[in-house]
Each structure stands twice: as C-alpha cells, then as structure tokens.
N, C-alpha and C. Protein backbone atom coordinates (compact mmCIF):
# COMPACT_ATOMS: atom_id res chain seq x y z
N UNK A 1 36.52 115.67 14.94
CA UNK A 1 35.56 115.29 15.48
C UNK A 1 35.83 113.44 16.69
N UNK A 2 35.54 113.44 17.96
CA UNK A 2 35.52 112.46 18.36
C UNK A 2 34.34 111.66 17.67
N UNK A 3 34.88 110.16 18.44
CA UNK A 3 34.24 109.17 17.99
C UNK A 3 34.09 108.90 19.85
N UNK A 4 32.61 108.16 20.34
CA UNK A 4 31.90 107.74 20.74
C UNK A 4 31.41 106.15 20.01
N UNK A 5 31.38 105.67 21.37
CA UNK A 5 31.12 103.77 21.52
C UNK A 5 30.20 103.50 21.93
N UNK A 6 29.31 104.34 22.97
CA UNK A 6 27.86 104.05 23.23
C UNK A 6 26.34 105.29 22.43
N UNK A 7 25.94 104.78 22.17
CA UNK A 7 24.49 105.29 21.79
C UNK A 7 24.06 106.69 22.90
N UNK A 8 23.94 106.75 23.70
CA UNK A 8 23.13 107.89 25.17
C UNK A 8 25.14 107.98 25.09
N UNK A 9 24.91 109.47 25.49
CA UNK A 9 25.94 110.46 26.34
C UNK A 9 25.99 112.18 26.47
N UNK A 10 27.17 112.77 27.49
CA UNK A 10 26.79 114.06 28.10
C UNK A 10 27.83 114.15 27.63
N UNK A 11 27.97 115.16 26.52
CA UNK A 11 29.12 115.84 25.95
C UNK A 11 30.10 116.61 26.57
N UNK A 12 30.80 116.45 26.89
CA UNK A 12 32.07 118.16 28.48
C UNK A 12 31.21 118.73 28.14
N UNK A 13 31.10 119.64 29.95
CA UNK A 13 29.98 120.23 30.16
C UNK A 13 29.09 120.36 30.30
N UNK A 14 28.29 118.71 30.20
CA UNK A 14 26.42 119.24 29.78
C UNK A 14 26.00 119.50 29.16
N UNK A 15 26.13 120.58 28.34
CA UNK A 15 24.83 121.00 27.62
C UNK A 15 24.29 120.28 26.59
N UNK A 16 25.22 119.54 26.03
CA UNK A 16 24.21 118.76 25.43
C UNK A 16 24.13 117.40 25.94
N UNK A 17 23.42 116.20 25.12
CA UNK A 17 23.22 115.27 25.73
C UNK A 17 22.82 114.34 24.76
N UNK A 18 23.02 113.52 24.00
CA UNK A 18 23.16 113.08 22.98
C UNK A 18 22.62 110.89 23.70
N UNK A 19 20.45 111.42 22.62
CA UNK A 19 20.36 110.45 22.61
C UNK A 19 19.93 109.37 21.24
N UNK A 20 21.06 107.86 21.30
CA UNK A 20 21.37 107.26 19.95
C UNK A 20 20.57 106.11 20.41
N UNK A 21 20.81 105.70 21.16
CA UNK A 21 19.32 104.64 21.80
C UNK A 21 17.74 104.97 22.47
N UNK A 22 17.58 104.09 22.85
CA UNK A 22 16.50 104.04 23.55
C UNK A 22 16.16 105.14 25.21
N UNK A 23 16.09 106.24 24.90
CA UNK A 23 15.10 106.80 26.27
C UNK A 23 13.84 106.44 26.69
N UNK A 24 13.70 105.85 27.96
CA UNK A 24 12.73 105.25 28.03
C UNK A 24 12.00 106.20 29.50
N UNK A 25 11.12 106.53 29.64
CA UNK A 25 11.01 107.32 30.34
C UNK A 25 9.69 106.52 32.00
N UNK A 26 9.81 106.14 32.11
CA UNK A 26 9.28 105.34 33.78
C UNK A 26 8.20 105.96 34.13
N UNK A 27 7.05 105.23 34.63
CA UNK A 27 5.81 105.73 35.06
C UNK A 27 5.91 106.26 36.26
N UNK A 28 4.65 107.98 35.83
CA UNK A 28 5.24 108.96 37.57
C UNK A 28 6.42 110.00 36.76
N UNK A 29 7.75 109.06 36.36
CA UNK A 29 8.39 111.24 35.41
C UNK A 29 7.95 111.32 34.68
N UNK A 30 8.62 112.90 35.09
CA UNK A 30 8.42 114.08 34.31
C UNK A 30 9.41 114.91 33.56
N UNK A 31 8.44 115.44 31.99
CA UNK A 31 9.97 115.83 31.66
C UNK A 31 9.45 117.61 31.13
N UNK A 32 10.60 118.22 31.82
CA UNK A 32 10.27 119.62 31.87
C UNK A 32 10.12 120.16 30.94
N UNK A 33 10.71 121.60 29.96
CA UNK A 33 10.82 122.09 29.44
C UNK A 33 10.81 122.07 27.50
N UNK A 34 10.24 120.72 27.37
CA UNK A 34 10.53 120.57 25.88
C UNK A 34 9.37 122.11 24.88
N UNK A 35 10.67 122.06 24.10
CA UNK A 35 9.71 123.16 23.09
C UNK A 35 7.80 122.08 22.71
N UNK A 36 6.72 123.28 22.74
CA UNK A 36 6.05 121.80 21.74
C UNK A 36 5.98 122.83 20.22
N UNK A 37 6.82 121.53 19.08
CA UNK A 37 6.96 122.36 17.70
C UNK A 37 6.62 120.01 17.26
N UNK A 38 6.26 120.43 16.28
CA UNK A 38 5.80 119.74 15.24
C UNK A 38 7.50 118.98 15.25
N UNK A 39 8.13 117.40 15.27
CA UNK A 39 8.97 116.91 14.19
C UNK A 39 8.67 116.58 12.95
N UNK A 40 9.85 117.40 12.37
CA UNK A 40 10.69 116.96 10.76
C UNK A 40 9.95 116.07 10.55
N UNK A 41 10.30 114.80 10.88
CA UNK A 41 10.51 113.20 10.42
C UNK A 41 9.12 113.26 10.54
N UNK A 42 7.67 113.17 10.80
CA UNK A 42 6.51 113.20 10.83
C UNK A 42 5.63 114.11 10.37
N UNK A 43 4.80 113.63 9.85
CA UNK A 43 4.26 114.84 8.39
C UNK A 43 3.47 115.09 9.40
N UNK A 44 1.90 115.66 8.67
CA UNK A 44 0.78 116.46 9.44
C UNK A 44 0.01 114.57 8.86
N UNK A 45 -1.23 115.15 9.53
CA UNK A 45 -2.28 113.20 9.20
C UNK A 45 -2.95 114.21 8.15
N UNK A 46 -2.66 113.33 6.86
CA UNK A 46 -4.01 113.87 5.31
C UNK A 46 -5.35 112.22 5.49
N UNK A 47 -6.05 112.09 4.59
CA UNK A 47 -5.91 110.71 4.37
C UNK A 47 -5.77 110.17 3.76
N UNK A 48 -4.39 109.91 2.89
CA UNK A 48 -3.89 108.90 2.75
C UNK A 48 -2.74 109.54 3.50
N UNK A 49 -1.67 109.33 4.93
CA UNK A 49 -0.71 109.70 4.90
C UNK A 49 -1.05 109.58 6.33
N UNK A 50 -0.77 108.61 7.41
CA UNK A 50 -0.62 108.53 8.70
C UNK A 50 0.09 109.59 9.75
N UNK A 51 -0.06 110.17 10.32
CA UNK A 51 0.87 111.57 10.76
C UNK A 51 0.40 111.69 12.11
N UNK A 52 0.97 113.19 12.46
CA UNK A 52 0.71 114.13 13.25
C UNK A 52 -1.51 114.93 13.10
N UNK A 53 -1.51 114.29 14.71
CA UNK A 53 -3.18 115.49 14.99
C UNK A 53 -2.28 116.08 16.00
N UNK A 54 -3.88 116.61 16.17
CA UNK A 54 -3.63 117.34 17.73
C UNK A 54 -5.93 117.00 18.50
N UNK A 55 -5.44 116.98 19.60
CA UNK A 55 -6.26 116.78 20.09
C UNK A 55 -7.12 117.51 19.90
N UNK A 56 -8.71 116.64 19.95
CA UNK A 56 -9.89 117.80 19.19
C UNK A 56 -10.54 118.14 20.48
N UNK A 57 -11.33 119.83 20.65
CA UNK A 57 -11.96 119.73 21.85
C UNK A 57 -13.25 119.03 22.07
N UNK A 58 -13.66 118.94 23.16
CA UNK A 58 -14.25 117.73 24.36
C UNK A 58 -16.16 118.58 23.40
N UNK A 59 -16.67 117.68 23.43
CA UNK A 59 -18.05 117.62 23.41
C UNK A 59 -19.03 116.82 23.20
N UNK A 60 -19.73 118.21 24.60
CA UNK A 60 -20.24 117.11 25.34
C UNK A 60 -21.43 116.37 24.96
N UNK A 61 -21.99 115.38 26.58
CA UNK A 61 -23.25 114.31 25.90
C UNK A 61 -23.88 115.11 25.27
N UNK A 62 -25.03 114.84 24.28
CA UNK A 62 -26.26 115.49 23.83
C UNK A 62 -27.02 115.46 24.46
N UNK A 63 -28.25 116.34 24.41
CA UNK A 63 -29.31 115.94 25.82
C UNK A 63 -30.19 116.65 24.49
N UNK A 64 -30.07 116.26 23.29
CA UNK A 64 -31.20 117.27 21.96
C UNK A 64 -32.74 116.21 22.36
N UNK A 65 -33.52 117.10 22.55
CA UNK A 65 -34.84 115.90 22.60
C UNK A 65 -35.60 116.32 20.95
N UNK A 66 -35.67 116.38 19.95
CA UNK A 66 -35.63 117.32 18.46
C UNK A 66 -34.30 116.42 17.78
N UNK A 67 -34.92 116.62 17.02
CA UNK A 67 -33.82 115.77 15.76
C UNK A 67 -33.30 117.53 14.86
N UNK A 68 -33.59 118.69 15.38
CA UNK A 68 -32.67 119.41 14.61
C UNK A 68 -32.09 119.64 15.43
N UNK A 69 -32.19 119.29 17.48
CA UNK A 69 -30.76 120.05 17.58
C UNK A 69 -29.88 118.82 17.76
N UNK A 70 -30.55 117.64 17.70
CA UNK A 70 -29.50 116.68 17.43
C UNK A 70 -28.82 116.82 16.41
N UNK A 71 -28.51 117.10 14.99
CA UNK A 71 -28.45 117.98 13.89
C UNK A 71 -27.76 118.61 13.94
N UNK A 72 -27.95 120.01 14.95
CA UNK A 72 -26.65 120.48 15.43
C UNK A 72 -25.51 120.41 16.35
N UNK A 73 -26.01 119.46 17.38
CA UNK A 73 -24.77 118.23 18.61
C UNK A 73 -23.80 117.98 17.32
N UNK A 74 -24.22 117.20 16.80
CA UNK A 74 -23.66 116.74 15.69
C UNK A 74 -22.89 116.90 14.82
N UNK A 75 -23.43 118.23 13.37
CA UNK A 75 -22.53 119.34 13.44
C UNK A 75 -21.39 119.51 14.67
N UNK A 76 -21.64 120.05 15.64
CA UNK A 76 -21.00 120.86 16.56
C UNK A 76 -19.69 120.05 16.56
N UNK A 77 -19.79 118.74 16.59
CA UNK A 77 -18.11 117.35 16.85
C UNK A 77 -18.17 117.60 15.50
N UNK A 78 -18.35 117.39 14.57
CA UNK A 78 -18.05 117.53 13.15
C UNK A 78 -16.32 118.79 12.90
N UNK A 79 -17.17 120.02 13.08
CA UNK A 79 -16.70 120.56 13.25
C UNK A 79 -15.04 120.76 14.31
N UNK A 80 -15.47 119.93 15.76
CA UNK A 80 -14.13 120.09 16.16
C UNK A 80 -13.56 118.70 15.68
N UNK A 81 -13.56 117.64 15.23
CA UNK A 81 -12.84 116.71 14.48
C UNK A 81 -12.20 117.80 13.31
N UNK A 82 -13.04 118.23 12.92
CA UNK A 82 -12.28 118.98 11.22
C UNK A 82 -11.08 120.33 12.01
N UNK A 83 -11.19 121.54 12.82
CA UNK A 83 -10.01 122.13 13.66
C UNK A 83 -8.99 121.39 13.52
N UNK A 84 -9.22 119.76 14.80
CA UNK A 84 -8.45 119.45 15.01
C UNK A 84 -7.72 119.18 13.93
N UNK A 85 -8.14 118.60 13.26
CA UNK A 85 -7.53 117.84 11.51
C UNK A 85 -7.41 116.46 11.39
N UNK A 86 -9.01 116.19 13.05
CA UNK A 86 -8.88 114.58 13.12
C UNK A 86 -9.07 113.98 11.69
N UNK A 87 -10.46 115.37 11.02
CA UNK A 87 -11.28 114.54 9.92
C UNK A 87 -11.36 116.07 9.07
N UNK A 88 -10.89 115.33 7.33
CA UNK A 88 -10.89 116.41 6.94
C UNK A 88 -11.83 117.33 6.45
N UNK A 89 -11.38 118.79 6.31
CA UNK A 89 -12.62 120.19 6.04
C UNK A 89 -13.36 119.67 4.44
N UNK A 90 -14.18 120.00 4.94
CA UNK A 90 -15.11 120.33 3.46
C UNK A 90 -14.69 121.14 1.77
N UNK A 91 -14.25 121.14 1.31
CA UNK A 91 -14.03 121.16 0.01
C UNK A 91 -14.91 123.05 -0.09
N UNK A 92 -14.43 123.85 -0.27
CA UNK A 92 -15.01 125.01 -0.82
C UNK A 92 -15.58 124.92 -2.26
N UNK A 93 -17.25 124.78 -2.05
CA UNK A 93 -18.17 125.21 -3.12
C UNK A 93 -17.64 126.30 -3.98
N UNK A 94 -17.35 126.09 -4.78
CA UNK A 94 -17.19 127.44 -6.09
C UNK A 94 -18.10 126.92 -7.25
N UNK A 95 -19.25 128.50 -7.87
CA UNK A 95 -19.55 128.05 -8.29
C UNK A 95 -19.95 128.76 -10.10
N UNK A 96 -20.10 127.48 -11.35
CA UNK A 96 -19.89 128.05 -12.41
C UNK A 96 -20.78 127.84 -13.06
N UNK A 97 -19.71 129.04 -14.43
CA UNK A 97 -21.67 129.07 -14.77
C UNK A 97 -22.15 128.53 -15.08
N UNK A 98 -21.63 126.56 -15.16
CA UNK A 98 -23.31 126.34 -15.41
C UNK A 98 -24.08 125.56 -14.23
N UNK A 99 -24.06 126.82 -13.45
CA UNK A 99 -24.88 126.43 -12.06
C UNK A 99 -26.20 127.68 -11.92
N UNK A 100 -25.81 128.48 -12.97
CA UNK A 100 -27.05 129.59 -13.58
C UNK A 100 -27.79 129.62 -14.55
N UNK A 101 -29.26 130.02 -14.33
CA UNK A 101 -29.75 129.54 -15.77
C UNK A 101 -29.53 130.89 -15.88
N UNK A 102 -30.76 130.49 -17.49
CA UNK A 102 -30.04 131.79 -18.55
C UNK A 102 -30.61 133.68 -17.94
N UNK A 103 -31.35 133.43 -16.69
CA UNK A 103 -31.45 135.09 -15.60
C UNK A 103 -30.65 135.39 -15.14
N UNK A 104 -29.12 134.29 -14.82
CA UNK A 104 -28.41 134.45 -13.87
C UNK A 104 -28.45 134.24 -12.86
N UNK A 105 -29.64 133.80 -12.27
CA UNK A 105 -30.27 132.80 -11.12
C UNK A 105 -29.52 132.09 -10.51
N UNK A 106 -29.18 131.21 -9.77
CA UNK A 106 -28.20 130.16 -9.21
C UNK A 106 -29.87 129.10 -8.90
N UNK A 107 -29.22 128.13 -9.43
CA UNK A 107 -30.36 127.03 -10.12
C UNK A 107 -30.16 126.08 -8.11
N UNK A 108 -29.42 126.57 -7.73
CA UNK A 108 -29.53 125.64 -6.12
C UNK A 108 -30.67 125.96 -5.20
N UNK A 109 -31.31 124.86 -5.11
CA UNK A 109 -32.89 124.86 -4.70
C UNK A 109 -34.01 124.79 -5.42
N UNK A 110 -34.00 124.83 -6.72
CA UNK A 110 -34.50 125.11 -7.87
C UNK A 110 -35.16 123.70 -7.45
C-alpha cells in the first residue's frame, strides 16, 4: 500500500479522489451525482441526541377565524414536524385493566 504525503489526492486512473483535508465548495458551485444517504457517522436526531432531521413540509399561514380552525391548523403543523422527525411522536395509548370500570366500559371521558 502506498503512502501519500498529501491529504487530498486522486488515485491513479482517476476513479477515486480522497479528501483527507477540507473540501471547500465556493458560492455558486454545484455538486452532482451524490447519493441521498444518511451518514453512518451522524445519528438520527432524538430528544437526547443532536443529529439528522428532514425538512418539514410547508405549513401555510393560518387564516383561521374560529378557535376550532386555529386548533386544526396548529395540529397540522405539529403533524408535519413529527413526520419530519423534528419533534418526537406521541407515545401510543395502551388501555390497561385499571382503565375500565366493573362493567368493562372505558372510564375515559367519564
């Protein structure tokens, strides 16, 4: 295996370029052909860990004139943030036997 004394080099034949230093992309430059993959070195974001997230879908400005419409617009925004991974999703609700009364009916809303 050959040793290189430079950090950035193109291997013989030009099939592979190694960047061991800094790759600076100047304003106006473009890059083509990069696959859209997650880096194994950067984790997905979580509440505890900074990491990669997707851009959230656009939420148009609200023109709600009622509280119900405003709640609907706000919930749509929350859903888009959760779907993009910007916000943690809700934990699923699991009913337990303590959630039911003697007759087997749910106690929710009572």
